[in-house]
Amino acid sequence: MIISTNVGGLSNRIKSLVSCIRYSHEYNMEVKVYWLVLDSYQRNLHLLNCPFFQLFSNNIEIKTINNSKIKKIYNSHCFMVFDMDNLPDNFDTYDSQNAKYTPSDKRGRNIDHNYNKIPNNVKNKYLPHFKFLKPIPALQLKIDNFSKRFNNKTISVHIRSWSGKNEEDRQKILFNNGIVKFEQEMLKYKEYNFFLATDSQNVKDYFIKKSPLKSRIICYSRKTNLDISREGLEGVQEDLIELYLLSKNKVIIGSRNSTYTEVSWWLGGCSCSITIL
């Protein structure tokens, strides 16, 4: 048995779990997830206050990891790299100086945030395992119904502002002139509308109320405030809905070093047209 135990954000947990699902497939092993609910900043660096079964219908969750059948526990937020992938040493050229993350492979074969640089054989190994995860029916229905608003002239845009608690350093590095650079990129698409997902209520309000693009912006009709979405069950559920909605369009404009952008790209089948800002 292999168990995913990542306690990061929603997309980090999905990456960890999908890695374990692939590992279980490659080595004919049962896969489980240990999904810890985080409900207090006093005890944790960040929050994710929603249990697994309120997001996904897969019957793979366990409540304890004290089991003699356990062969491997995986808590990294990086994708597993397998020798069978035949990636060369130092494959990863990600900009670690401006957007640090913890590599999982000592030989520099990480595929994280490498998008279209990832060889097709590696993409094809991972893609089926993203499809294994099934949102609960109530959330899937909302995803399906809202995505009917999209057409072949809809572009997915994910703007990560890093404005949450304990994200101040990342905001300074990764969101410098953030609204401006996204707006300038979006303005290049003259006849398109945009499905916008973001972690910031201020960013959302700007694009739907003030931007010259405001008439072309589509946002999911959330019931929860973006700035505190991780603090409650419904907010995390709406984060998952928006994650899947981002994956529904053929063009993605996304945020550097964001696993939310990254996972939406995987869920959409690794769309060739992706711009990272």
C-alpha atoms as a PDB file:
ATOM      1  CA  MET A   1       0.000   0.000   0.000  1.00  0.00           C
ATOM      2  CA  ILE A   2       1.155   3.516  -0.820  1.00  0.00           C
ATOM      3  CA  ILE A   3      -0.350   6.505   0.998  1.00  0.00           C
ATOM      4  CA  SER A   4      -0.406  10.178   0.048  1.00  0.00           C
ATOM      5  CA  THR A   5      -0.064  12.294   3.193  1.00  0.00           C
ATOM      6  CA  ASN A   6       0.599  15.773   1.796  1.00  0.00           C
ATOM      7  CA  VAL A   7      -0.765  18.559   4.027  1.00  0.00           C
ATOM      8  CA  GLY A   8      -0.351  21.462   1.586  1.00  0.00           C
ATOM      9  CA  GLY A   9      -3.002  23.290  -0.374  1.00  0.00           C
ATOM     10  CA  LEU A  10      -5.637  21.688  -2.551  1.00  0.00           C
ATOM     11  CA  SER A  11      -3.548  21.352  -5.715  1.00  0.00           C
ATOM     12  CA  ASN A  12      -0.442  20.221  -3.850  1.00  0.00           C
ATOM     13  CA  ARG A  13      -2.488  17.402  -2.350  1.00  0.00           C
ATOM     14  CA  ILE A  14      -3.848  16.454  -5.754  1.00  0.00           C
ATOM     15  CA  LYS A  15      -0.326  16.287  -7.217  1.00  0.00           C
ATOM     16  CA  SER A  16       0.837  14.094  -4.344  1.00  0.00           C
ATOM     17  CA  LEU A  17      -2.169  11.810  -4.643  1.00  0.00           C
ATOM     18  CA  VAL A  18      -1.924  11.464  -8.422  1.00  0.00           C
ATOM     19  CA  SER A  19       1.746  10.550  -8.020  1.00  0.00           C
ATOM     20  CA  CYS A  20       0.739   7.813  -5.591  1.00  0.00           C
ATOM     21  CA  ILE A  21      -1.993   6.597  -7.937  1.00  0.00           C
ATOM     22  CA  ARG A  22       0.550   6.272 -10.712  1.00  0.00           C
ATOM     23  CA  TYR A  23       2.995   4.507  -8.377  1.00  0.00           C
ATOM     24  CA  SER A  24       0.274   2.049  -7.359  1.00  0.00           C
ATOM     25  CA  HIS A  25      -0.456   1.342 -11.026  1.00  0.00           C
ATOM     26  CA  GLU A  26       3.177   0.842 -11.967  1.00  0.00           C
ATOM     27  CA  TYR A  27       3.901  -1.483  -9.037  1.00  0.00           C
ATOM     28  CA  ASN A  28       0.508  -3.171  -8.628  1.00  0.00           C
ATOM     29  CA  MET A  29      -0.100  -1.727  -5.201  1.00  0.00           C
ATOM     30  CA  GLU A  30      -3.138  -0.415  -3.338  1.00  0.00           C
ATOM     31  CA  VAL A  31      -3.334   3.388  -2.994  1.00  0.00           C
ATOM     32  CA  LYS A  32      -4.823   5.428  -0.160  1.00  0.00           C
ATOM     33  CA  VAL A  33      -4.918   9.060   0.942  1.00  0.00           C
ATOM     34  CA  TYR A  34      -4.546  10.440   4.447  1.00  0.00           C
ATOM     35  CA  TRP A  35      -6.248  13.835   4.169  1.00  0.00           C
ATOM     36  CA  LEU A  36      -5.630  16.020   7.192  1.00  0.00           C
ATOM     37  CA  VAL A  37      -8.118  18.867   7.704  1.00  0.00           C
ATOM     38  CA  LEU A  38      -6.335  22.098   8.670  1.00  0.00           C
ATOM     39  CA  ASP A  39      -8.588  24.575  10.454  1.00  0.00           C
ATOM     40  CA  SER A  40      -6.287  26.888  12.441  1.00  0.00           C
ATOM     41  CA  TYR A  41      -3.443  29.217  11.471  1.00  0.00           C
ATOM     42  CA  GLN A  42      -2.196  28.942  15.035  1.00  0.00           C
ATOM     43  CA  ARG A  43      -1.251  25.330  14.391  1.00  0.00           C
ATOM     44  CA  ASN A  44      -0.534  25.414  10.651  1.00  0.00           C
ATOM     45  CA  LEU A  45       1.183  27.556   8.023  1.00  0.00           C
ATOM     46  CA  HIS A  46      -2.008  27.595   5.968  1.00  0.00           C
ATOM     47  CA  LEU A  47      -5.520  26.157   6.013  1.00  0.00           C
ATOM     48  CA  LEU A  48      -7.546  23.567   4.137  1.00  0.00           C
ATOM     49  CA  ASN A  49     -10.697  23.112   6.159  1.00  0.00           C
ATOM     50  CA  CYS A  50     -12.521  20.480   4.129  1.00  0.00           C
ATOM     51  CA  PRO A  51     -12.426  16.670   4.323  1.00  0.00           C
ATOM     52  CA  PHE A  52     -11.608  14.527   1.311  1.00  0.00           C
ATOM     53  CA  PHE A  53     -15.047  12.912   1.080  1.00  0.00           C
ATOM     54  CA  GLN A  54     -16.658  16.347   0.677  1.00  0.00           C
ATOM     55  CA  LEU A  55     -14.585  16.873  -2.475  1.00  0.00           C
ATOM     56  CA  PHE A  56     -14.049  13.494  -4.141  1.00  0.00           C
ATOM     57  CA  SER A  57     -16.168  10.376  -4.398  1.00  0.00           C
ATOM     58  CA  ASN A  58     -13.203   7.957  -4.624  1.00  0.00           C
ATOM     59  CA  ASN A  59     -13.281   5.461  -1.767  1.00  0.00           C
ATOM     60  CA  ILE A  60      -9.558   5.638  -0.970  1.00  0.00           C
ATOM     61  CA  GLU A  61      -9.342   7.655   2.244  1.00  0.00           C
ATOM     62  CA  ILE A  62      -7.929   6.225   5.467  1.00  0.00           C
ATOM     63  CA  LYS A  63      -8.121   7.749   8.933  1.00  0.00           C
ATOM     64  CA  THR A  64      -4.917   6.224  10.313  1.00  0.00           C
ATOM     65  CA  ILE A  65      -1.568   5.271   8.838  1.00  0.00           C
ATOM     66  CA  ASN A  66      -0.674   2.616  11.413  1.00  0.00           C
ATOM     67  CA  ASN A  67      -0.915  -0.361   9.108  1.00  0.00           C
ATOM     68  CA  SER A  68       1.514  -3.213   8.485  1.00  0.00           C
ATOM     69  CA  LYS A  69       0.603  -3.239   4.772  1.00  0.00           C
ATOM     70  CA  ILE A  70       2.105   0.201   4.175  1.00  0.00           C
ATOM     71  CA  LYS A  71       5.048   0.063   1.761  1.00  0.00           C
ATOM     72  CA  LYS A  72       5.501   3.757   1.026  1.00  0.00           C
ATOM     73  CA  ILE A  73       4.297   7.099   2.408  1.00  0.00           C
ATOM     74  CA  TYR A  74       4.526  10.092   0.094  1.00  0.00           C
ATOM     75  CA  ASN A  75       4.123  13.648   1.394  1.00  0.00           C
ATOM     76  CA  SER A  76       5.882  15.700  -1.280  1.00  0.00           C
ATOM     77  CA  HIS A  77       4.088  18.354  -3.315  1.00  0.00           C
ATOM     78  CA  CYS A  78       6.200  17.422  -6.358  1.00  0.00           C
ATOM     79  CA  PHE A  79       5.366  14.805  -8.959  1.00  0.00           C
ATOM     80  CA  MET A  80       7.195  11.498  -8.621  1.00  0.00           C
ATOM     81  CA  VAL A  81       9.774  10.862 -11.308  1.00  0.00           C
ATOM     82  CA  PHE A  82      10.312   7.254 -12.387  1.00  0.00           C
ATOM     83  CA  ASP A  83      13.431   5.759 -13.946  1.00  0.00           C
ATOM     84  CA  MET A  84      11.185   4.306 -16.656  1.00  0.00           C
ATOM     85  CA  ASP A  85      10.411   7.897 -17.748  1.00  0.00           C
ATOM     86  CA  ASN A  86      13.971   8.104 -19.162  1.00  0.00           C
ATOM     87  CA  LEU A  87      14.375  11.754 -18.266  1.00  0.00           C
ATOM     88  CA  PRO A  88      17.949  13.055 -18.462  1.00  0.00           C
ATOM     89  CA  ASP A  89      19.754  14.305 -15.380  1.00  0.00           C
ATOM     90  CA  ASN A  90      19.239  18.035 -14.757  1.00  0.00           C
ATOM     91  CA  PHE A  91      16.123  17.995 -16.913  1.00  0.00           C
ATOM     92  CA  ASP A  92      14.511  20.643 -14.714  1.00  0.00           C
ATOM     93  CA  THR A  93      15.266  24.210 -15.776  1.00  0.00           C
ATOM     94  CA  TYR A  94      12.630  25.868 -13.610  1.00  0.00           C
ATOM     95  CA  ASP A  95      13.517  29.336 -12.308  1.00  0.00           C
ATOM     96  CA  SER A  96      14.266  28.419  -8.720  1.00  0.00           C
ATOM     97  CA  GLN A  97      15.826  31.782  -7.839  1.00  0.00           C
ATOM     98  CA  ASN A  98      12.603  33.712  -8.333  1.00  0.00           C
ATOM     99  CA  ALA A  99      10.113  31.007  -7.418  1.00  0.00           C
ATOM    100  CA  LYS A 100      11.561  28.475  -5.046  1.00  0.00           C
ATOM    101  CA  TYR A 101      10.155  25.026  -4.474  1.00  0.00           C
ATOM    102  CA  THR A 102      11.614  21.886  -2.953  1.00  0.00           C
ATOM    103  CA  PRO A 103      12.813  19.466  -5.648  1.00  0.00           C
ATOM    104  CA  SER A 104      11.874  15.836  -5.138  1.00  0.00           C
ATOM    105  CA  ASP A 105      14.539  14.320  -7.375  1.00  0.00           C
ATOM    106  CA  LYS A 106      18.225  14.674  -6.516  1.00  0.00           C
ATOM    107  CA  ARG A 107      19.192  14.143 -10.147  1.00  0.00           C
ATOM    108  CA  GLY A 108      17.288  17.236 -11.264  1.00  0.00           C
ATOM    109  CA  ARG A 109      14.623  15.346 -13.223  1.00  0.00           C
ATOM    110  CA  ASN A 110      11.639  17.219 -11.805  1.00  0.00           C
ATOM    111  CA  ILE A 111       8.710  17.800 -14.161  1.00  0.00           C
ATOM    112  CA  ASP A 112       6.947  20.298 -11.913  1.00  0.00           C
ATOM    113  CA  HIS A 113       5.919  23.525 -13.673  1.00  0.00           C
ATOM    114  CA  ASN A 114       7.676  22.457 -16.858  1.00  0.00           C
ATOM    115  CA  TYR A 115       4.483  22.199 -18.924  1.00  0.00           C
ATOM    116  CA  ASN A 116       5.174  21.650 -22.635  1.00  0.00           C
ATOM    117  CA  LYS A 117       8.791  20.785 -21.983  1.00  0.00           C
ATOM    118  CA  ILE A 118       7.614  17.516 -20.406  1.00  0.00           C
ATOM    119  CA  PRO A 119       8.019  14.650 -22.910  1.00  0.00           C
ATOM    120  CA  ASN A 120       4.796  13.186 -24.254  1.00  0.00           C
ATOM    121  CA  ASN A 121       5.595   9.738 -22.892  1.00  0.00           C
ATOM    122  CA  VAL A 122       5.671  11.177 -19.350  1.00  0.00           C
ATOM    123  CA  LYS A 123       2.476  13.185 -19.878  1.00  0.00           C
ATOM    124  CA  ASN A 124       0.747  10.066 -21.170  1.00  0.00           C
ATOM    125  CA  LYS A 125       1.795   8.136 -18.075  1.00  0.00           C
ATOM    126  CA  TYR A 126       0.225  10.683 -15.742  1.00  0.00           C
ATOM    127  CA  LEU A 127      -2.875  11.842 -17.607  1.00  0.00           C
ATOM    128  CA  PRO A 128      -5.050   8.736 -16.970  1.00  0.00           C
ATOM    129  CA  HIS A 129      -4.492   9.061 -13.242  1.00  0.00           C
ATOM    130  CA  PHE A 130      -5.872  12.592 -13.131  1.00  0.00           C
ATOM    131  CA  LYS A 131      -9.051  11.166 -14.621  1.00  0.00           C
ATOM    132  CA  PHE A 132      -9.213   8.644 -11.782  1.00  0.00           C
ATOM    133  CA  LEU A 133     -10.162  11.366  -9.302  1.00  0.00           C
ATOM    134  CA  LYS A 134     -13.905  12.040  -9.372  1.00  0.00           C
ATOM    135  CA  PRO A 135     -15.481  15.101  -7.733  1.00  0.00           C
ATOM    136  CA  ILE A 136     -18.561  14.264  -5.706  1.00  0.00           C
ATOM    137  CA  PRO A 137     -21.755  14.358  -7.836  1.00  0.00           C
ATOM    138  CA  ALA A 138     -23.022  17.655  -6.412  1.00  0.00           C
ATOM    139  CA  LEU A 139     -19.792  19.421  -7.366  1.00  0.00           C
ATOM    140  CA  GLN A 140     -19.527  17.669 -10.733  1.00  0.00           C
ATOM    141  CA  LEU A 141     -23.030  18.863 -11.602  1.00  0.00           C
ATOM    142  CA  LYS A 142     -22.037  22.465 -10.868  1.00  0.00           C
ATOM    143  CA  ILE A 143     -18.897  22.067 -12.982  1.00  0.00           C
ATOM    144  CA  ASP A 144     -20.837  20.620 -15.896  1.00  0.00           C
ATOM    145  CA  ASN A 145     -23.619  23.205 -15.756  1.00  0.00           C
ATOM    146  CA  PHE A 146     -21.378  26.257 -15.489  1.00  0.00           C
ATOM    147  CA  SER A 147     -18.960  25.076 -18.201  1.00  0.00           C
ATOM    148  CA  LYS A 148     -21.844  25.258 -20.694  1.00  0.00           C
ATOM    149  CA  ARG A 149     -21.154  28.999 -20.748  1.00  0.00           C
ATOM    150  CA  PHE A 150     -17.805  28.364 -22.421  1.00  0.00           C
ATOM    151  CA  ASN A 151     -17.204  28.086 -26.160  1.00  0.00           C
ATOM    152  CA  ASN A 152     -14.225  27.936 -28.514  1.00  0.00           C
ATOM    153  CA  LYS A 153     -13.666  31.651 -27.884  1.00  0.00           C
ATOM    154  CA  THR A 154     -13.241  31.262 -24.124  1.00  0.00           C
ATOM    155  CA  ILE A 155      -9.819  31.423 -22.491  1.00  0.00           C
ATOM    156  CA  SER A 156      -9.100  30.248 -18.941  1.00  0.00           C
ATOM    157  CA  VAL A 157      -7.195  32.737 -16.780  1.00  0.00           C
ATOM    158  CA  HIS A 158      -5.814  31.944 -13.356  1.00  0.00           C
ATOM    159  CA  ILE A 159      -4.343  34.842 -11.393  1.00  0.00           C
ATOM    160  CA  ARG A 160      -2.599  33.862  -8.178  1.00  0.00           C
ATOM    161  CA  SER A 161      -1.965  36.997  -6.130  1.00  0.00           C
ATOM    162  CA  TRP A 162      -0.320  35.246  -3.182  1.00  0.00           C
ATOM    163  CA  SER A 163      -2.298  37.568  -0.913  1.00  0.00           C
ATOM    164  CA  GLY A 164      -3.149  34.988   1.727  1.00  0.00           C
ATOM    165  CA  LYS A 165      -1.737  34.715   5.209  1.00  0.00           C
ATOM    166  CA  ASN A 166       1.962  33.710   5.300  1.00  0.00           C
ATOM    167  CA  GLU A 167       2.379  34.379   1.549  1.00  0.00           C
ATOM    168  CA  GLU A 168       3.841  37.894   1.747  1.00  0.00           C
ATOM    169  CA  ASP A 169       7.298  36.996   0.396  1.00  0.00           C
ATOM    170  CA  ARG A 170       5.869  35.147  -2.588  1.00  0.00           C
ATOM    171  CA  GLN A 171       3.556  38.032  -3.358  1.00  0.00           C
ATOM    172  CA  LYS A 172       6.513  40.436  -3.634  1.00  0.00           C
ATOM    173  CA  ILE A 173       8.395  38.105  -5.971  1.00  0.00           C
ATOM    174  CA  LEU A 174       5.615  36.539  -8.021  1.00  0.00           C
ATOM    175  CA  PHE A 175       2.909  39.196  -8.201  1.00  0.00           C
ATOM    176  CA  ASN A 176       4.910  42.282  -9.109  1.00  0.00           C
ATOM    177  CA  ASN A 177       2.620  44.332 -11.412  1.00  0.00           C
ATOM    178  CA  GLY A 178       0.407  41.256 -11.484  1.00  0.00           C
ATOM    179  CA  ILE A 179      -2.860  42.796 -12.609  1.00  0.00           C
ATOM    180  CA  VAL A 180      -1.135  44.864 -15.293  1.00  0.00           C
ATOM    181  CA  LYS A 181       0.774  41.993 -16.865  1.00  0.00           C
ATOM    182  CA  PHE A 182      -2.284  39.731 -16.959  1.00  0.00           C
ATOM    183  CA  GLU A 183      -4.483  42.451 -18.396  1.00  0.00           C
ATOM    184  CA  GLN A 184      -1.930  43.264 -21.089  1.00  0.00           C
ATOM    185  CA  GLU A 185      -1.730  39.604 -22.097  1.00  0.00           C
ATOM    186  CA  MET A 186      -5.514  39.234 -22.176  1.00  0.00           C
ATOM    187  CA  LEU A 187      -5.899  42.354 -24.325  1.00  0.00           C
ATOM    188  CA  LYS A 188      -4.010  40.561 -27.104  1.00  0.00           C
ATOM    189  CA  TYR A 189      -7.081  38.349 -27.623  1.00  0.00           C
ATOM    190  CA  LYS A 190      -9.486  40.733 -29.347  1.00  0.00           C
ATOM    191  CA  GLU A 191     -12.479  38.459 -29.906  1.00  0.00           C
ATOM    192  CA  TYR A 192     -12.312  36.232 -26.831  1.00  0.00           C
ATOM    193  CA  ASN A 193     -13.944  36.149 -23.437  1.00  0.00           C
ATOM    194  CA  PHE A 194     -12.199  34.961 -20.299  1.00  0.00           C
ATOM    195  CA  PHE A 195     -13.103  32.618 -17.484  1.00  0.00           C
ATOM    196  CA  LEU A 196     -11.280  34.146 -14.520  1.00  0.00           C
ATOM    197  CA  ALA A 197     -10.286  32.308 -11.348  1.00  0.00           C
ATOM    198  CA  THR A 198      -8.181  33.987  -8.672  1.00  0.00           C
ATOM    199  CA  ASP A 199      -7.326  33.787  -4.988  1.00  0.00           C
ATOM    200  CA  SER A 200      -8.019  37.493  -4.444  1.00  0.00           C
ATOM    201  CA  GLN A 201     -11.346  39.272  -4.108  1.00  0.00           C
ATOM    202  CA  ASN A 202      -9.594  42.541  -5.038  1.00  0.00           C
ATOM    203  CA  VAL A 203      -8.287  41.063  -8.297  1.00  0.00           C
ATOM    204  CA  LYS A 204     -11.710  39.671  -9.137  1.00  0.00           C
ATOM    205  CA  ASP A 205     -13.431  42.990  -8.359  1.00  0.00           C
ATOM    206  CA  TYR A 206     -10.998  44.895 -10.563  1.00  0.00           C
ATOM    207  CA  PHE A 207     -11.592  42.694 -13.599  1.00  0.00           C
ATOM    208  CA  ILE A 208     -15.375  42.605 -13.326  1.00  0.00           C
ATOM    209  CA  LYS A 209     -15.846  46.277 -12.389  1.00  0.00           C
ATOM    210  CA  LYS A 210     -12.943  48.406 -13.674  1.00  0.00           C
ATOM    211  CA  SER A 211     -10.935  46.628 -16.363  1.00  0.00           C
ATOM    212  CA  PRO A 212     -11.486  47.497 -20.048  1.00  0.00           C
ATOM    213  CA  LEU A 213     -12.098  43.749 -20.341  1.00  0.00           C
ATOM    214  CA  LYS A 214     -14.947  43.703 -17.807  1.00  0.00           C
ATOM    215  CA  SER A 215     -17.641  42.928 -20.389  1.00  0.00           C
ATOM    216  CA  ARG A 216     -15.684  39.834 -21.445  1.00  0.00           C
ATOM    217  CA  ILE A 217     -15.022  38.378 -17.980  1.00  0.00           C
ATOM    218  CA  ILE A 218     -16.816  35.239 -16.766  1.00  0.00           C
ATOM    219  CA  CYS A 219     -16.554  34.329 -13.082  1.00  0.00           C
ATOM    220  CA  TYR A 220     -18.074  31.444 -11.202  1.00  0.00           C
ATOM    221  CA  SER A 221     -20.891  32.656  -8.966  1.00  0.00           C
ATOM    222  CA  ARG A 222     -19.277  31.836  -5.647  1.00  0.00           C
ATOM    223  CA  LYS A 223     -21.157  32.001  -2.377  1.00  0.00           C
ATOM    224  CA  THR A 224     -17.946  32.386  -0.366  1.00  0.00           C
ATOM    225  CA  ASN A 225     -15.378  35.166  -0.239  1.00  0.00           C
ATOM    226  CA  LEU A 226     -12.160  34.342  -2.060  1.00  0.00           C
ATOM    227  CA  ASP A 227      -9.926  35.819   0.616  1.00  0.00           C
ATOM    228  CA  ILE A 228     -11.097  33.275   3.197  1.00  0.00           C
ATOM    229  CA  SER A 229     -12.047  30.357   0.947  1.00  0.00           C
ATOM    230  CA  ARG A 230      -9.755  27.862   2.690  1.00  0.00           C
ATOM    231  CA  GLU A 231     -11.344  28.533   6.070  1.00  0.00           C
ATOM    232  CA  GLY A 232     -14.542  26.587   5.435  1.00  0.00           C
ATOM    233  CA  LEU A 233     -15.902  23.542   3.646  1.00  0.00           C
ATOM    234  CA  GLU A 234     -17.931  25.404   1.019  1.00  0.00           C
ATOM    235  CA  GLY A 235     -15.041  27.699   0.128  1.00  0.00           C
ATOM    236  CA  VAL A 236     -12.719  24.772  -0.576  1.00  0.00           C
ATOM    237  CA  GLN A 237     -15.453  23.081  -2.601  1.00  0.00           C
ATOM    238  CA  GLU A 238     -15.792  26.218  -4.721  1.00  0.00           C
ATOM    239  CA  ASP A 239     -12.014  26.284  -5.153  1.00  0.00           C
ATOM    240  CA  LEU A 240     -12.239  22.751  -6.550  1.00  0.00           C
ATOM    241  CA  ILE A 241     -15.095  23.721  -8.868  1.00  0.00           C
ATOM    242  CA  GLU A 242     -13.053  26.605 -10.273  1.00  0.00           C
ATOM    243  CA  LEU A 243     -10.008  24.361 -10.654  1.00  0.00           C
ATOM    244  CA  TYR A 244     -11.970  21.995 -12.882  1.00  0.00           C
ATOM    245  CA  LEU A 245     -13.590  24.877 -14.763  1.00  0.00           C
ATOM    246  CA  LEU A 246     -10.149  26.265 -15.625  1.00  0.00           C
ATOM    247  CA  SER A 247      -9.370  22.946 -17.289  1.00  0.00           C
ATOM    248  CA  LYS A 248     -12.328  23.166 -19.675  1.00  0.00           C
ATOM    249  CA  ASN A 249     -10.804  25.591 -22.216  1.00  0.00           C
ATOM    250  CA  LYS A 250      -8.105  25.035 -24.824  1.00  0.00           C
ATOM    251  CA  VAL A 251      -6.086  28.131 -23.917  1.00  0.00           C
ATOM    252  CA  ILE A 252      -4.813  28.854 -20.400  1.00  0.00           C
ATOM    253  CA  ILE A 253      -3.131  31.984 -19.080  1.00  0.00           C
ATOM    254  CA  GLY A 254      -1.750  31.066 -15.678  1.00  0.00           C
ATOM    255  CA  SER A 255       0.439  32.075 -12.773  1.00  0.00           C
ATOM    256  CA  ARG A 256       4.102  31.252 -12.282  1.00  0.00           C
ATOM    257  CA  ASN A 257       4.889  28.758  -9.527  1.00  0.00           C
ATOM    258  CA  SER A 258       1.195  28.066  -8.942  1.00  0.00           C
ATOM    259  CA  THR A 259       0.225  24.424  -8.586  1.00  0.00           C
ATOM    260  CA  TYR A 260      -3.398  25.521  -9.101  1.00  0.00           C
ATOM    261  CA  THR A 261      -2.541  26.626 -12.642  1.00  0.00           C
ATOM    262  CA  GLU A 262      -0.448  23.495 -13.076  1.00  0.00           C
ATOM    263  CA  VAL A 263      -3.122  21.035 -11.972  1.00  0.00           C
ATOM    264  CA  SER A 264      -5.775  22.717 -14.123  1.00  0.00           C
ATOM    265  CA  TRP A 265      -3.464  22.212 -17.122  1.00  0.00           C
ATOM    266  CA  TRP A 266      -3.127  18.504 -16.313  1.00  0.00           C
ATOM    267  CA  LEU A 267      -6.869  18.110 -15.754  1.00  0.00           C
ATOM    268  CA  GLY A 268      -7.435  19.649 -19.189  1.00  0.00           C
ATOM    269  CA  GLY A 269      -5.227  17.068 -20.888  1.00  0.00           C
ATOM    270  CA  CYS A 270      -2.054  19.208 -21.060  1.00  0.00           C
ATOM    271  CA  SER A 271      -3.322  21.854 -23.473  1.00  0.00           C
ATOM    272  CA  CYS A 272      -0.535  22.960 -25.799  1.00  0.00           C
ATOM    273  CA  SER A 273      -1.521  26.614 -25.555  1.00  0.00           C
ATOM    274  CA  ILE A 274      -0.484  27.800 -22.110  1.00  0.00           C
ATOM    275  CA  THR A 275       1.092  31.119 -21.144  1.00  0.00           C
ATOM    276  CA  ILE A 276       2.693  31.502 -17.722  1.00  0.00           C
ATOM    277  CA  LEU A 277       3.092  35.013 -16.292  1.00  0.00           C
END
